[in-house]
All heavy atoms as atom14 arrays in JSON, in Angstrom:
{
  "sequence": "DYHRMKAAGVRFLEEPREEVYATVVVFEDLYGNRWDL",
  "atom14_mask": [
    [1, 1, 1, 1, 1, 1, 1, 1, 0, 0, 0, 0, 0, 0],
    [1, 1, 1, 1, 1, 1, 1, 1, 1, 1, 1, 1, 0, 0],
    [1, 1, 1, 1, 1, 1, 1, 1, 1, 1, 0, 0, 0, 0],
    [1, 1, 1, 1, 1, 1, 1, 1, 1, 1, 1, 0, 0, 0],
    [1, 1, 1, 1, 1, 1, 1, 1, 0, 0, 0, 0, 0, 0],
    [1, 1, 1, 1, 1, 1, 1, 1, 1, 0, 0, 0, 0, 0],
    [1, 1, 1, 1, 1, 0, 0, 0, 0, 0, 0, 0, 0, 0],
    [1, 1, 1, 1, 1, 0, 0, 0, 0, 0, 0, 0, 0, 0],
    [1, 1, 1, 1, 0, 0, 0, 0, 0, 0, 0, 0, 0, 0],
    [1, 1, 1, 1, 1, 1, 1, 0, 0, 0, 0, 0, 0, 0],
    [1, 1, 1, 1, 1, 1, 1, 1, 1, 1, 1, 0, 0, 0],
    [1, 1, 1, 1, 1, 1, 1, 1, 1, 1, 1, 0, 0, 0],
    [1, 1, 1, 1, 1, 1, 1, 1, 0, 0, 0, 0, 0, 0],
    [1, 1, 1, 1, 1, 1, 1, 1, 1, 0, 0, 0, 0, 0],
    [1, 1, 1, 1, 1, 1, 1, 1, 1, 0, 0, 0, 0, 0],
    [1, 1, 1, 1, 1, 1, 1, 0, 0, 0, 0, 0, 0, 0],
    [1, 1, 1, 1, 1, 1, 1, 1, 1, 1, 1, 0, 0, 0],
    [1, 1, 1, 1, 1, 1, 1, 1, 1, 0, 0, 0, 0, 0],
    [1, 1, 1, 1, 1, 1, 1, 1, 1, 0, 0, 0, 0, 0],
    [1, 1, 1, 1, 1, 1, 1, 0, 0, 0, 0, 0, 0, 0],
    [1, 1, 1, 1, 1, 1, 1, 1, 1, 1, 1, 1, 0, 0],
    [1, 1, 1, 1, 1, 0, 0, 0, 0, 0, 0, 0, 0, 0],
    [1, 1, 1, 1, 1, 1, 1, 0, 0, 0, 0, 0, 0, 0],
    [1, 1, 1, 1, 1, 1, 1, 0, 0, 0, 0, 0, 0, 0],
    [1, 1, 1, 1, 1, 1, 1, 0, 0, 0, 0, 0, 0, 0],
    [1, 1, 1, 1, 1, 1, 1, 0, 0, 0, 0, 0, 0, 0],
    [1, 1, 1, 1, 1, 1, 1, 1, 1, 1, 1, 0, 0, 0],
    [1, 1, 1, 1, 1, 1, 1, 1, 1, 0, 0, 0, 0, 0],
    [1, 1, 1, 1, 1, 1, 1, 1, 0, 0, 0, 0, 0, 0],
    [1, 1, 1, 1, 1, 1, 1, 1, 0, 0, 0, 0, 0, 0],
    [1, 1, 1, 1, 1, 1, 1, 1, 1, 1, 1, 1, 0, 0],
    [1, 1, 1, 1, 0, 0, 0, 0, 0, 0, 0, 0, 0, 0],
    [1, 1, 1, 1, 1, 1, 1, 1, 0, 0, 0, 0, 0, 0],
    [1, 1, 1, 1, 1, 1, 1, 1, 1, 1, 1, 0, 0, 0],
    [1, 1, 1, 1, 1, 1, 1, 1, 1, 1, 1, 1, 1, 1],
    [1, 1, 1, 1, 1, 1, 1, 1, 0, 0, 0, 0, 0, 0],
    [1, 1, 1, 1, 1, 1, 1, 1, 0, 0, 0, 0, 0, 0]
  ],
  "atom14_positions": [
    [[175.27, 119.65, 123.67], [175.28, 118.19, 123.64], [176.52, 117.63, 124.32], [176.45, 116.65, 125.07], [175.19, 117.67, 122.21], [173.79, 117.84, 121.63], [172.82, 117.94, 122.41], [173.67, 117.87, 120.4], [0.0, 0.0, 0.0], [0.0, 0.0, 0.0], [0.0, 0.0, 0.0], [0.0, 0.0, 0.0], [0.0, 0.0, 0.0], [0.0, 0.0, 0.0]],
    [[177.66, 118.24, 124.09], [178.9, 117.79, 124.71], [178.8, 117.84, 126.24], [179.1, 116.87, 126.93], [180.07, 118.63, 124.21], [181.37, 118.4, 124.96], [182.09, 117.21, 124.78], [181.87, 119.35, 125.84], [183.28, 116.99, 125.47], [183.05, 119.14, 126.53], [183.75, 117.95, 126.34], [184.92, 117.74, 127.03], [0.0, 0.0, 0.0], [0.0, 0.0, 0.0]],
    [[178.34, 118.95, 126.76], [178.25, 119.11, 128.22], [177.18, 118.21, 128.82], [177.37, 117.64, 129.9], [178.04, 120.57, 128.6], [179.26, 121.41, 128.33], [180.45, 121.23, 129.0], [179.48, 122.4, 127.43], [181.35, 122.08, 128.54], [180.78, 122.79, 127.59], [0.0, 0.0, 0.0], [0.0, 0.0, 0.0], [0.0, 0.0, 0.0], [0.0, 0.0, 0.0]],
    [[176.04, 118.02, 128.14], [175.0, 117.12, 128.63], [175.51, 115.7, 128.67], [175.33, 114.99, 129.66], [173.76, 117.19, 127.73], [172.63, 116.25, 128.19], [171.56, 116.06, 127.14], [172.08, 115.63, 125.86], [172.48, 114.38, 125.58], [172.46, 113.44, 126.5], [172.92, 114.08, 124.37], [0.0, 0.0, 0.0], [0.0, 0.0, 0.0], [0.0, 0.0, 0.0]],
    [[176.19, 115.27, 127.6], [176.71, 113.9, 127.54], [177.8, 113.68, 128.59], [177.86, 112.64, 129.24], [177.22, 113.6, 126.13], [176.1, 113.53, 125.1], [176.7, 113.45, 123.4], [177.37, 111.79, 123.36], [0.0, 0.0, 0.0], [0.0, 0.0, 0.0], [0.0, 0.0, 0.0], [0.0, 0.0, 0.0], [0.0, 0.0, 0.0], [0.0, 0.0, 0.0]],
    [[178.66, 114.69, 128.76], [179.73, 114.57, 129.76], [179.14, 114.44, 131.16], [179.57, 113.6, 131.95], [180.66, 115.79, 129.65], [181.94, 115.64, 130.42], [182.9, 116.76, 130.05], [184.24, 116.49, 130.71], [185.25, 117.45, 130.33], [0.0, 0.0, 0.0], [0.0, 0.0, 0.0], [0.0, 0.0, 0.0], [0.0, 0.0, 0.0], [0.0, 0.0, 0.0]],
    [[178.12, 115.23, 131.46], [177.46, 115.16, 132.76], [176.75, 113.82, 132.97], [176.63, 113.35, 134.1], [176.47, 116.3, 132.91], [0.0, 0.0, 0.0], [0.0, 0.0, 0.0], [0.0, 0.0, 0.0], [0.0, 0.0, 0.0], [0.0, 0.0, 0.0], [0.0, 0.0, 0.0], [0.0, 0.0, 0.0], [0.0, 0.0, 0.0], [0.0, 0.0, 0.0]],
    [[176.31, 113.2, 131.87], [175.63, 111.9, 131.96], [176.61, 110.74, 132.09], [176.19, 109.6, 132.27], [174.73, 111.7, 130.73], [0.0, 0.0, 0.0], [0.0, 0.0, 0.0], [0.0, 0.0, 0.0], [0.0, 0.0, 0.0], [0.0, 0.0, 0.0], [0.0, 0.0, 0.0], [0.0, 0.0, 0.0], [0.0, 0.0, 0.0], [0.0, 0.0, 0.0]],
    [[177.91, 111.02, 131.96], [178.9, 109.97, 132.16], [179.53, 109.41, 130.91], [180.23, 108.4, 130.97], [0.0, 0.0, 0.0], [0.0, 0.0, 0.0], [0.0, 0.0, 0.0], [0.0, 0.0, 0.0], [0.0, 0.0, 0.0], [0.0, 0.0, 0.0], [0.0, 0.0, 0.0], [0.0, 0.0, 0.0], [0.0, 0.0, 0.0], [0.0, 0.0, 0.0]],
    [[179.33, 110.06, 129.77], [179.98, 109.6, 128.53], [181.49, 109.74, 128.68], [181.99, 110.75, 129.19], [179.48, 110.4, 127.31], [180.3, 110.09, 126.07], [178.01, 110.09, 127.06], [0.0, 0.0, 0.0], [0.0, 0.0, 0.0], [0.0, 0.0, 0.0], [0.0, 0.0, 0.0], [0.0, 0.0, 0.0], [0.0, 0.0, 0.0], [0.0, 0.0, 0.0]],
    [[182.22, 108.74, 128.24], [183.68, 108.76, 128.3], [184.23, 109.38, 127.01], [184.17, 108.76, 125.94], [184.24, 107.35, 128.47], [185.75, 107.33, 128.54], [186.28, 105.95, 128.92], [187.72, 106.02, 128.98], [188.52, 105.42, 128.1], [188.02, 104.65, 127.16], [189.83, 105.53, 128.21], [0.0, 0.0, 0.0], [0.0, 0.0, 0.0], [0.0, 0.0, 0.0]],
    [[184.74, 110.59, 127.13], [185.37, 111.27, 126.0], [186.85, 110.94, 125.99], [187.49, 110.91, 127.04], [185.12, 112.78, 126.06], [183.7, 113.14, 125.74], [182.77, 113.28, 126.75], [183.31, 113.32, 124.43], [181.45, 113.59, 126.47], [181.99, 113.64, 124.12], [181.06, 113.78, 125.14], [0.0, 0.0, 0.0], [0.0, 0.0, 0.0], [0.0, 0.0, 0.0]],
    [[187.4, 110.7, 124.82], [188.78, 110.29, 124.68], [189.74, 111.45, 124.43], [190.95, 111.24, 124.35], [188.92, 109.26, 123.55], [188.05, 108.0, 123.71], [188.27, 107.06, 122.54], [188.34, 107.32, 125.03], [0.0, 0.0, 0.0], [0.0, 0.0, 0.0], [0.0, 0.0, 0.0], [0.0, 0.0, 0.0], [0.0, 0.0, 0.0], [0.0, 0.0, 0.0]],
    [[189.19, 112.64, 124.3], [189.98, 113.83, 124.0], [189.16, 115.06, 124.34], [187.99, 114.95, 124.68], [190.36, 113.86, 122.51], [189.12, 113.94, 121.61], [189.44, 113.86, 120.13], [190.6, 113.6, 119.76], [188.52, 114.08, 119.34], [0.0, 0.0, 0.0], [0.0, 0.0, 0.0], [0.0, 0.0, 0.0], [0.0, 0.0, 0.0], [0.0, 0.0, 0.0]],
    [[189.78, 116.2, 124.22], [189.07, 117.46, 124.35], [188.5, 117.83, 122.98], [189.07, 117.45, 121.94], [190.03, 118.56, 124.82], [190.51, 118.36, 126.25], [189.36, 118.35, 127.26], [188.48, 119.23, 127.18], [189.37, 117.46, 128.14], [0.0, 0.0, 0.0], [0.0, 0.0, 0.0], [0.0, 0.0, 0.0], [0.0, 0.0, 0.0], [0.0, 0.0, 0.0]],
    [[187.39, 118.57, 122.94], [186.86, 119.01, 121.64], [187.91, 119.77, 120.84], [188.76, 120.45, 121.41], [185.7, 119.93, 122.02], [185.28, 119.45, 123.37], [186.56, 119.01, 124.04], [0.0, 0.0, 0.0], [0.0, 0.0, 0.0], [0.0, 0.0, 0.0], [0.0, 0.0, 0.0], [0.0, 0.0, 0.0], [0.0, 0.0, 0.0], [0.0, 0.0, 0.0]],
    [[187.86, 119.6, 119.54], [188.82, 120.26, 118.67], [188.12, 120.81, 117.43], [187.06, 120.33, 117.04], [189.95, 119.31, 118.28], [189.52, 118.15, 117.42], [190.67, 117.16, 117.17], [190.36, 116.21, 116.13], [189.59, 115.14, 116.27], [189.01, 114.87, 117.41], [189.37, 114.34, 115.24], [0.0, 0.0, 0.0], [0.0, 0.0, 0.0], [0.0, 0.0, 0.0]],
    [[188.76, 121.8, 116.84], [188.25, 122.41, 115.61], [189.0, 121.81, 114.42], [190.22, 121.83, 114.38], [188.46, 123.94, 115.64], [187.66, 124.65, 116.7], [186.17, 124.56, 116.5], [185.7, 124.56, 115.34], [185.46, 124.47, 117.52], [0.0, 0.0, 0.0], [0.0, 0.0, 0.0], [0.0, 0.0, 0.0], [0.0, 0.0, 0.0], [0.0, 0.0, 0.0]],
    [[188.24, 121.27, 113.5], [188.77, 120.77, 112.23], [188.2, 121.63, 111.11], [187.27, 122.42, 111.35], [188.39, 119.3, 112.02], [188.96, 118.34, 113.04], [190.46, 118.14, 112.93], [191.05, 118.54, 111.9], [191.05, 117.6, 113.87], [0.0, 0.0, 0.0], [0.0, 0.0, 0.0], [0.0, 0.0, 0.0], [0.0, 0.0, 0.0], [0.0, 0.0, 0.0]],
    [[188.72, 121.52, 109.91], [188.22, 122.34, 108.81], [186.77, 122.0, 108.49], [186.03, 122.84, 107.99], [189.1, 122.2, 107.55], [190.48, 122.76, 107.79], [189.17, 120.77, 107.07], [0.0, 0.0, 0.0], [0.0, 0.0, 0.0], [0.0, 0.0, 0.0], [0.0, 0.0, 0.0], [0.0, 0.0, 0.0], [0.0, 0.0, 0.0], [0.0, 0.0, 0.0]],
    [[186.34, 120.81, 108.78], [185.0, 120.34, 108.43], [184.0, 120.44, 109.58], [182.79, 120.45, 109.35], [185.04, 118.9, 107.92], [185.59, 117.93, 108.95], [184.76, 117.26, 109.83], [186.97, 117.68, 109.03], [185.27, 116.38, 110.76], [187.48, 116.8, 109.96], [186.63, 116.16, 110.83], [187.14, 115.29, 111.76], [0.0, 0.0, 0.0], [0.0, 0.0, 0.0]],
    [[184.49, 120.51, 110.86], [183.56, 120.46, 111.98], [184.27, 120.72, 113.3], [185.48, 120.6, 113.41], [182.89, 119.08, 112.04], [0.0, 0.0, 0.0], [0.0, 0.0, 0.0], [0.0, 0.0, 0.0], [0.0, 0.0, 0.0], [0.0, 0.0, 0.0], [0.0, 0.0, 0.0], [0.0, 0.0, 0.0], [0.0, 0.0, 0.0], [0.0, 0.0, 0.0]],
    [[183.48, 121.02, 114.33], [183.92, 120.9, 115.71], [183.66, 119.45, 116.08], [182.56, 118.92, 115.82], [183.11, 121.83, 116.63], [183.23, 123.17, 116.16], [183.57, 121.73, 118.06], [0.0, 0.0, 0.0], [0.0, 0.0, 0.0], [0.0, 0.0, 0.0], [0.0, 0.0, 0.0], [0.0, 0.0, 0.0], [0.0, 0.0, 0.0], [0.0, 0.0, 0.0]],
    [[184.65, 118.79, 116.68], [184.54, 117.33, 116.85], [185.2, 116.87, 118.13], [186.16, 117.51, 118.62], [185.15, 116.59, 115.62], [186.62, 116.89, 115.49], [184.88, 115.12, 115.64], [0.0, 0.0, 0.0], [0.0, 0.0, 0.0], [0.0, 0.0, 0.0], [0.0, 0.0, 0.0], [0.0, 0.0, 0.0], [0.0, 0.0, 0.0], [0.0, 0.0, 0.0]],
    [[184.68, 115.78, 118.69], [185.28, 115.11, 119.83], [184.95, 113.62, 119.73], [183.86, 113.25, 119.28], [184.8, 115.72, 121.16], [183.32, 115.48, 121.41], [185.64, 115.22, 122.32], [0.0, 0.0, 0.0], [0.0, 0.0, 0.0], [0.0, 0.0, 0.0], [0.0, 0.0, 0.0], [0.0, 0.0, 0.0], [0.0, 0.0, 0.0], [0.0, 0.0, 0.0]],
    [[185.89, 112.78, 120.12], [185.71, 111.34, 120.07], [185.24, 110.84, 121.44], [185.8, 111.24, 122.47], [187.0, 110.6, 119.66], [186.81, 109.09, 119.66], [187.47, 111.08, 118.29], [0.0, 0.0, 0.0], [0.0, 0.0, 0.0], [0.0, 0.0, 0.0], [0.0, 0.0, 0.0], [0.0, 0.0, 0.0], [0.0, 0.0, 0.0], [0.0, 0.0, 0.0]],
    [[184.23, 109.98, 121.44], [183.79, 109.35, 122.67], [183.55, 107.87, 122.45], [183.5, 107.41, 121.32], [182.54, 110.04, 123.24], [181.27, 109.85, 122.44], [180.38, 108.83, 122.74], [180.94, 110.71, 121.42], [179.19, 108.67, 122.03], [179.76, 110.58, 120.69], [178.9, 109.54, 121.01], [0.0, 0.0, 0.0], [0.0, 0.0, 0.0], [0.0, 0.0, 0.0]],
    [[183.43, 107.14, 123.55], [183.13, 105.71, 123.49], [181.75, 105.43, 124.05], [181.32, 106.06, 125.02], [184.15, 104.9, 124.32], [185.51, 104.82, 123.69], [186.45, 103.94, 124.49], [186.22, 103.69, 125.7], [187.45, 103.51, 123.89], [0.0, 0.0, 0.0], [0.0, 0.0, 0.0], [0.0, 0.0, 0.0], [0.0, 0.0, 0.0], [0.0, 0.0, 0.0]],
    [[181.07, 104.46, 123.43], [179.8, 104.02, 123.98], [180.05, 103.0, 125.09], [181.21, 102.76, 125.47], [178.87, 103.49, 122.88], [179.33, 102.2, 122.22], [180.21, 101.49, 122.76], [178.78, 101.87, 121.14], [0.0, 0.0, 0.0], [0.0, 0.0, 0.0], [0.0, 0.0, 0.0], [0.0, 0.0, 0.0], [0.0, 0.0, 0.0], [0.0, 0.0, 0.0]],
    [[179.03, 102.42, 125.63], [179.18, 101.53, 126.77], [180.0, 100.29, 126.47], [180.54, 99.67, 127.4], [177.81, 101.11, 127.34], [177.0, 100.07, 126.57], [175.94, 99.49, 127.5], [176.4, 100.65, 125.33], [0.0, 0.0, 0.0], [0.0, 0.0, 0.0], [0.0, 0.0, 0.0], [0.0, 0.0, 0.0], [0.0, 0.0, 0.0], [0.0, 0.0, 0.0]],
    [[180.16, 99.92, 125.22], [180.93, 98.74, 124.84], [182.33, 99.08, 124.35], [183.14, 98.18, 124.12], [180.19, 97.93, 123.79], [178.85, 97.43, 124.3], [177.68, 97.89, 123.75], [178.79, 96.51, 125.34], [176.46, 97.43, 124.22], [177.57, 96.06, 125.81], [176.41, 96.52, 125.25], [175.2, 96.08, 125.73], [0.0, 0.0, 0.0], [0.0, 0.0, 0.0]],
    [[182.62, 100.36, 124.14], [183.93, 100.76, 123.65], [183.98, 101.13, 122.18], [185.04, 101.48, 121.67], [0.0, 0.0, 0.0], [0.0, 0.0, 0.0], [0.0, 0.0, 0.0], [0.0, 0.0, 0.0], [0.0, 0.0, 0.0], [0.0, 0.0, 0.0], [0.0, 0.0, 0.0], [0.0, 0.0, 0.0], [0.0, 0.0, 0.0], [0.0, 0.0, 0.0]],
    [[182.83, 101.06, 121.47], [182.81, 101.55, 120.1], [183.1, 103.04, 120.11], [182.58, 103.78, 120.96], [181.42, 101.33, 119.45], [181.1, 99.88, 119.24], [181.81, 99.18, 118.53], [180.03, 99.42, 119.85], [0.0, 0.0, 0.0], [0.0, 0.0, 0.0], [0.0, 0.0, 0.0], [0.0, 0.0, 0.0], [0.0, 0.0, 0.0], [0.0, 0.0, 0.0]],
    [[183.9, 103.48, 119.18], [184.25, 104.91, 119.1], [183.29, 105.66, 118.18], [182.94, 105.17, 117.11], [185.68, 105.08, 118.61], [186.66, 104.61, 119.66], [188.08, 104.82, 119.25], [188.92, 104.4, 120.36], [190.18, 104.71, 120.49], [190.76, 105.45, 119.57], [190.87, 104.3, 121.53], [0.0, 0.0, 0.0], [0.0, 0.0, 0.0], [0.0, 0.0, 0.0]],
    [[182.91, 106.82, 118.66], [182.0, 107.71, 117.95], [182.65, 109.08, 117.82], [183.46, 109.47, 118.67], [180.73, 107.93, 118.77], [179.79, 106.8, 118.95], [180.04, 105.61, 119.58], [178.42, 106.79, 118.58], [178.89, 104.86, 119.59], [177.9, 105.56, 119.0], [177.61, 107.71, 117.92], [176.57, 105.21, 118.79], [176.29, 107.36, 117.71], [175.78, 106.13, 118.13]],
    [[182.25, 109.85, 116.83], [182.51, 111.28, 116.76], [181.22, 112.01, 117.09], [180.17, 111.69, 116.52], [182.93, 111.73, 115.37], [184.43, 111.67, 115.13], [185.18, 111.3, 116.03], [184.84, 111.98, 113.98], [0.0, 0.0, 0.0], [0.0, 0.0, 0.0], [0.0, 0.0, 0.0], [0.0, 0.0, 0.0], [0.0, 0.0, 0.0], [0.0, 0.0, 0.0]],
    [[181.28, 112.96, 118.01], [180.22, 113.96, 118.14], [180.74, 115.13, 117.35], [181.86, 115.6, 117.59], [180.01, 114.35, 119.61], [179.04, 115.51, 119.84], [177.63, 115.15, 119.42], [179.08, 115.94, 121.31], [0.0, 0.0, 0.0], [0.0, 0.0, 0.0], [0.0, 0.0, 0.0], [0.0, 0.0, 0.0], [0.0, 0.0, 0.0], [0.0, 0.0, 0.0]]
  ]
}
């Protein structure tokens, strides 16, 4: 999903990281709302 979204032009604000609860990365939607994948 990360690579598909990146290829589609999603703006990621960081590199993927490992947390105790999940593998996670922050991205913005077309308006600038922040999401976690």
